[in-house]
Amino acid sequence: MLGLGLSTIEVDGKQNESKPYSSIVKSKANEFPKGEWNTVEVLSFNGICVHIVNGEVVNYGTNSSLKKGKILLQSEFAEIYYKNVEIREFN
Protein backbone atom coordinates (compact mmCIF):
# COMPACT_ATOMS: atom_id res chain seq x y z
CA MET A 1 0.00 0.00 0.00
CA LEU A 2 1.32 3.42 -0.84
CA GLY A 3 0.30 6.71 0.74
CA LEU A 4 0.62 9.82 -1.40
CA GLY A 5 -0.06 13.52 -0.96
CA LEU A 6 0.11 13.66 2.86
CA SER A 7 -2.54 10.95 3.19
CA THR A 8 -2.68 8.73 6.29
CA ILE A 9 -4.07 5.28 7.03
CA GLU A 10 -3.88 2.87 9.96
CA VAL A 11 -2.52 -0.62 9.24
CA ASP A 12 -1.98 -3.24 11.95
CA GLY A 13 -2.68 -0.65 14.63
CA LYS A 14 -0.04 1.79 13.32
CA GLN A 15 -0.78 5.12 11.65
CA ASN A 16 1.66 6.19 8.91
CA GLU A 17 3.19 9.66 9.00
CA SER A 18 1.59 12.43 6.97
CA LYS A 19 4.20 13.16 4.31
CA PRO A 20 4.28 13.45 0.50
CA TYR A 21 5.14 9.75 0.08
CA SER A 22 4.94 6.84 2.52
CA SER A 23 5.12 3.11 1.93
CA ILE A 24 3.22 0.57 4.01
CA VAL A 25 4.69 -2.92 3.93
CA LYS A 26 2.24 -5.60 2.85
CA SER A 27 1.42 -8.34 5.32
CA LYS A 28 2.43 -11.07 2.86
CA ALA A 29 3.50 -11.60 -0.74
CA ASN A 30 1.08 -13.48 -2.95
CA GLU A 31 2.28 -12.62 -6.44
CA PHE A 32 2.69 -15.30 -9.09
CA PRO A 33 6.16 -15.92 -10.61
CA LYS A 34 7.51 -13.47 -13.19
CA GLY A 35 5.71 -13.77 -16.51
CA GLU A 36 2.37 -14.86 -15.04
CA TRP A 37 -0.65 -12.56 -14.67
CA ASN A 38 -1.72 -11.49 -11.19
CA THR A 39 -5.22 -10.46 -10.18
CA VAL A 40 -5.34 -7.41 -7.94
CA GLU A 41 -8.43 -6.00 -6.25
CA VAL A 42 -8.43 -2.76 -4.30
CA LEU A 43 -11.56 -2.05 -2.30
CA SER A 44 -12.00 1.35 -0.71
CA PHE A 45 -15.05 2.54 1.21
CA ASN A 46 -15.50 5.17 3.91
CA GLY A 47 -11.88 5.18 5.06
CA ILE A 48 -11.30 1.43 4.80
CA CYS A 49 -8.95 0.05 2.15
CA VAL A 50 -8.42 -3.64 1.35
CA HIS A 51 -5.70 -4.80 -1.07
CA ILE A 52 -6.22 -8.34 -2.43
CA VAL A 53 -3.66 -10.15 -4.62
CA ASN A 54 -4.68 -13.42 -6.29
CA GLY A 55 -7.54 -13.93 -3.83
CA GLU A 56 -5.52 -13.25 -0.63
CA VAL A 57 -5.73 -10.09 1.48
CA VAL A 58 -2.20 -8.63 1.62
CA ASN A 59 -3.11 -5.30 3.27
CA TYR A 60 -6.05 -3.97 5.26
CA GLY A 61 -6.18 -0.36 6.38
CA THR A 62 -8.67 1.75 8.34
CA ASN A 63 -9.12 5.40 9.25
CA SER A 64 -7.81 6.63 5.91
CA SER A 65 -7.63 10.39 5.59
CA LEU A 66 -8.83 10.00 1.97
CA LYS A 67 -12.43 9.17 1.18
CA LYS A 68 -12.45 10.23 -2.49
CA GLY A 69 -10.01 11.27 -5.17
CA LYS A 70 -7.92 10.08 -8.08
CA ILE A 71 -6.83 6.51 -8.76
CA LEU A 72 -3.16 5.85 -9.53
CA LEU A 73 -1.88 2.73 -11.33
CA GLN A 74 1.88 2.50 -11.17
CA SER A 75 4.99 0.37 -11.24
CA GLU A 76 8.24 1.00 -9.44
CA PHE A 77 11.45 0.66 -11.44
CA ALA A 78 10.07 -1.91 -13.90
CA GLU A 79 7.90 -2.28 -16.96
CA ILE A 80 4.32 -3.26 -16.17
CA TYR A 81 1.28 -4.31 -18.19
CA TYR A 82 -2.39 -4.05 -17.27
CA LYS A 83 -5.36 -5.85 -18.79
CA ASN A 84 -9.06 -6.03 -17.95
CA VAL A 85 -9.02 -2.99 -15.67
CA GLU A 86 -12.44 -2.40 -14.11
CA ILE A 87 -13.48 0.44 -11.85
CA ARG A 88 -16.82 0.07 -10.09
CA GLU A 89 -18.64 2.25 -7.59
CA PHE A 90 -20.26 0.60 -4.59
CA ASN A 91 -23.71 1.82 -3.59
C-alpha atoms as a PDB file:
ATOM      1  CA  MET A   1       0.000   0.000   0.000  1.00  0.00           C
ATOM      2  CA  LEU A   2       1.316   3.423  -0.840  1.00  0.00           C
ATOM      3  CA  GLY A   3       0.301   6.710   0.739  1.00  0.00           C
ATOM      4  CA  LEU A   4       0.617   9.817  -1.401  1.00  0.00           C
ATOM      5  CA  GLY A   5      -0.056  13.518  -0.960  1.00  0.00           C
ATOM      6  CA  LEU A   6       0.109  13.665   2.863  1.00  0.00           C
ATOM      7  CA  SER A   7      -2.545  10.953   3.194  1.00  0.00           C
ATOM      8  CA  THR A   8      -2.675   8.728   6.286  1.00  0.00           C
ATOM      9  CA  ILE A   9      -4.066   5.284   7.034  1.00  0.00           C
ATOM     10  CA  GLU A  10      -3.883   2.872   9.959  1.00  0.00           C
ATOM     11  CA  VAL A  11      -2.522  -0.621   9.240  1.00  0.00           C
ATOM     12  CA  ASP A  12      -1.981  -3.243  11.950  1.00  0.00           C
ATOM     13  CA  GLY A  13      -2.681  -0.647  14.627  1.00  0.00           C
ATOM     14  CA  LYS A  14      -0.042   1.785  13.321  1.00  0.00           C
ATOM     15  CA  GLN A  15      -0.783   5.120  11.645  1.00  0.00           C
ATOM     16  CA  ASN A  16       1.659   6.188   8.914  1.00  0.00           C
ATOM     17  CA  GLU A  17       3.195   9.655   9.002  1.00  0.00           C
ATOM     18  CA  SER A  18       1.589  12.430   6.968  1.00  0.00           C
ATOM     19  CA  LYS A  19       4.201  13.155   4.311  1.00  0.00           C
ATOM     20  CA  PRO A  20       4.282  13.451   0.501  1.00  0.00           C
ATOM     21  CA  TYR A  21       5.141   9.745   0.079  1.00  0.00           C
ATOM     22  CA  SER A  22       4.940   6.839   2.517  1.00  0.00           C
ATOM     23  CA  SER A  23       5.119   3.113   1.928  1.00  0.00           C
ATOM     24  CA  ILE A  24       3.220   0.575   4.011  1.00  0.00           C
ATOM     25  CA  VAL A  25       4.690  -2.921   3.927  1.00  0.00           C
ATOM     26  CA  LYS A  26       2.240  -5.596   2.850  1.00  0.00           C
ATOM     27  CA  SER A  27       1.419  -8.344   5.324  1.00  0.00           C
ATOM     28  CA  LYS A  28       2.428 -11.068   2.861  1.00  0.00           C
ATOM     29  CA  ALA A  29       3.502 -11.602  -0.740  1.00  0.00           C
ATOM     30  CA  ASN A  30       1.077 -13.478  -2.953  1.00  0.00           C
ATOM     31  CA  GLU A  31       2.284 -12.625  -6.440  1.00  0.00           C
ATOM     32  CA  PHE A  32       2.694 -15.300  -9.089  1.00  0.00           C
ATOM     33  CA  PRO A  33       6.158 -15.922 -10.609  1.00  0.00           C
ATOM     34  CA  LYS A  34       7.513 -13.469 -13.187  1.00  0.00           C
ATOM     35  CA  GLY A  35       5.711 -13.766 -16.509  1.00  0.00           C
ATOM     36  CA  GLU A  36       2.367 -14.859 -15.043  1.00  0.00           C
ATOM     37  CA  TRP A  37      -0.648 -12.558 -14.671  1.00  0.00           C
ATOM     38  CA  ASN A  38      -1.716 -11.487 -11.189  1.00  0.00           C
ATOM     39  CA  THR A  39      -5.224 -10.458 -10.184  1.00  0.00           C
ATOM     40  CA  VAL A  40      -5.338  -7.412  -7.938  1.00  0.00           C
ATOM     41  CA  GLU A  41      -8.426  -6.003  -6.249  1.00  0.00           C
ATOM     42  CA  VAL A  42      -8.426  -2.757  -4.302  1.00  0.00           C
ATOM     43  CA  LEU A  43     -11.557  -2.046  -2.297  1.00  0.00           C
ATOM     44  CA  SER A  44     -12.003   1.353  -0.710  1.00  0.00           C
ATOM     45  CA  PHE A  45     -15.049   2.541   1.213  1.00  0.00           C
ATOM     46  CA  ASN A  46     -15.502   5.167   3.906  1.00  0.00           C
ATOM     47  CA  GLY A  47     -11.877   5.185   5.065  1.00  0.00           C
ATOM     48  CA  ILE A  48     -11.302   1.429   4.803  1.00  0.00           C
ATOM     49  CA  CYS A  49      -8.952   0.046   2.153  1.00  0.00           C
ATOM     50  CA  VAL A  50      -8.417  -3.635   1.355  1.00  0.00           C
ATOM     51  CA  HIS A  51      -5.701  -4.803  -1.073  1.00  0.00           C
ATOM     52  CA  ILE A  52      -6.216  -8.339  -2.434  1.00  0.00           C
ATOM     53  CA  VAL A  53      -3.658 -10.154  -4.625  1.00  0.00           C
ATOM     54  CA  ASN A  54      -4.683 -13.423  -6.289  1.00  0.00           C
ATOM     55  CA  GLY A  55      -7.540 -13.926  -3.828  1.00  0.00           C
ATOM     56  CA  GLU A  56      -5.520 -13.253  -0.634  1.00  0.00           C
ATOM     57  CA  VAL A  57      -5.730 -10.086   1.482  1.00  0.00           C
ATOM     58  CA  VAL A  58      -2.202  -8.633   1.619  1.00  0.00           C
ATOM     59  CA  ASN A  59      -3.107  -5.302   3.274  1.00  0.00           C
ATOM     60  CA  TYR A  60      -6.051  -3.973   5.260  1.00  0.00           C
ATOM     61  CA  GLY A  61      -6.181  -0.359   6.381  1.00  0.00           C
ATOM     62  CA  THR A  62      -8.667   1.746   8.337  1.00  0.00           C
ATOM     63  CA  ASN A  63      -9.115   5.397   9.254  1.00  0.00           C
ATOM     64  CA  SER A  64      -7.811   6.626   5.907  1.00  0.00           C
ATOM     65  CA  SER A  65      -7.632  10.389   5.585  1.00  0.00           C
ATOM     66  CA  LEU A  66      -8.826   9.996   1.971  1.00  0.00           C
ATOM     67  CA  LYS A  67     -12.431   9.168   1.183  1.00  0.00           C
ATOM     68  CA  LYS A  68     -12.451  10.231  -2.487  1.00  0.00           C
ATOM     69  CA  GLY A  69     -10.009  11.275  -5.174  1.00  0.00           C
ATOM     70  CA  LYS A  70      -7.916  10.076  -8.080  1.00  0.00           C
ATOM     71  CA  ILE A  71      -6.830   6.505  -8.757  1.00  0.00           C
ATOM     72  CA  LEU A  72      -3.156   5.849  -9.535  1.00  0.00           C
ATOM     73  CA  LEU A  73      -1.876   2.732 -11.327  1.00  0.00           C
ATOM     74  CA  GLN A  74       1.884   2.495 -11.167  1.00  0.00           C
ATOM     75  CA  SER A  75       4.992   0.375 -11.244  1.00  0.00           C
ATOM     76  CA  GLU A  76       8.239   0.996  -9.443  1.00  0.00           C
ATOM     77  CA  PHE A  77      11.448   0.660 -11.443  1.00  0.00           C
ATOM     78  CA  ALA A  78      10.068  -1.910 -13.899  1.00  0.00           C
ATOM     79  CA  GLU A  79       7.904  -2.283 -16.956  1.00  0.00           C
ATOM     80  CA  ILE A  80       4.324  -3.258 -16.171  1.00  0.00           C
ATOM     81  CA  TYR A  81       1.284  -4.308 -18.187  1.00  0.00           C
ATOM     82  CA  TYR A  82      -2.387  -4.049 -17.271  1.00  0.00           C
ATOM     83  CA  LYS A  83      -5.361  -5.854 -18.787  1.00  0.00           C
ATOM     84  CA  ASN A  84      -9.065  -6.028 -17.953  1.00  0.00           C
ATOM     85  CA  VAL A  85      -9.024  -2.987 -15.674  1.00  0.00           C
ATOM     86  CA  GLU A  86     -12.440  -2.404 -14.106  1.00  0.00           C
ATOM     87  CA  ILE A  87     -13.484   0.442 -11.853  1.00  0.00           C
ATOM     88  CA  ARG A  88     -16.824   0.073 -10.088  1.00  0.00           C
ATOM     89  CA  GLU A  89     -18.638   2.246  -7.591  1.00  0.00           C
ATOM     90  CA  PHE A  90     -20.264   0.597  -4.593  1.00  0.00           C
ATOM     91  CA  ASN A  91     -23.707   1.818  -3.592  1.00  0.00           C
END
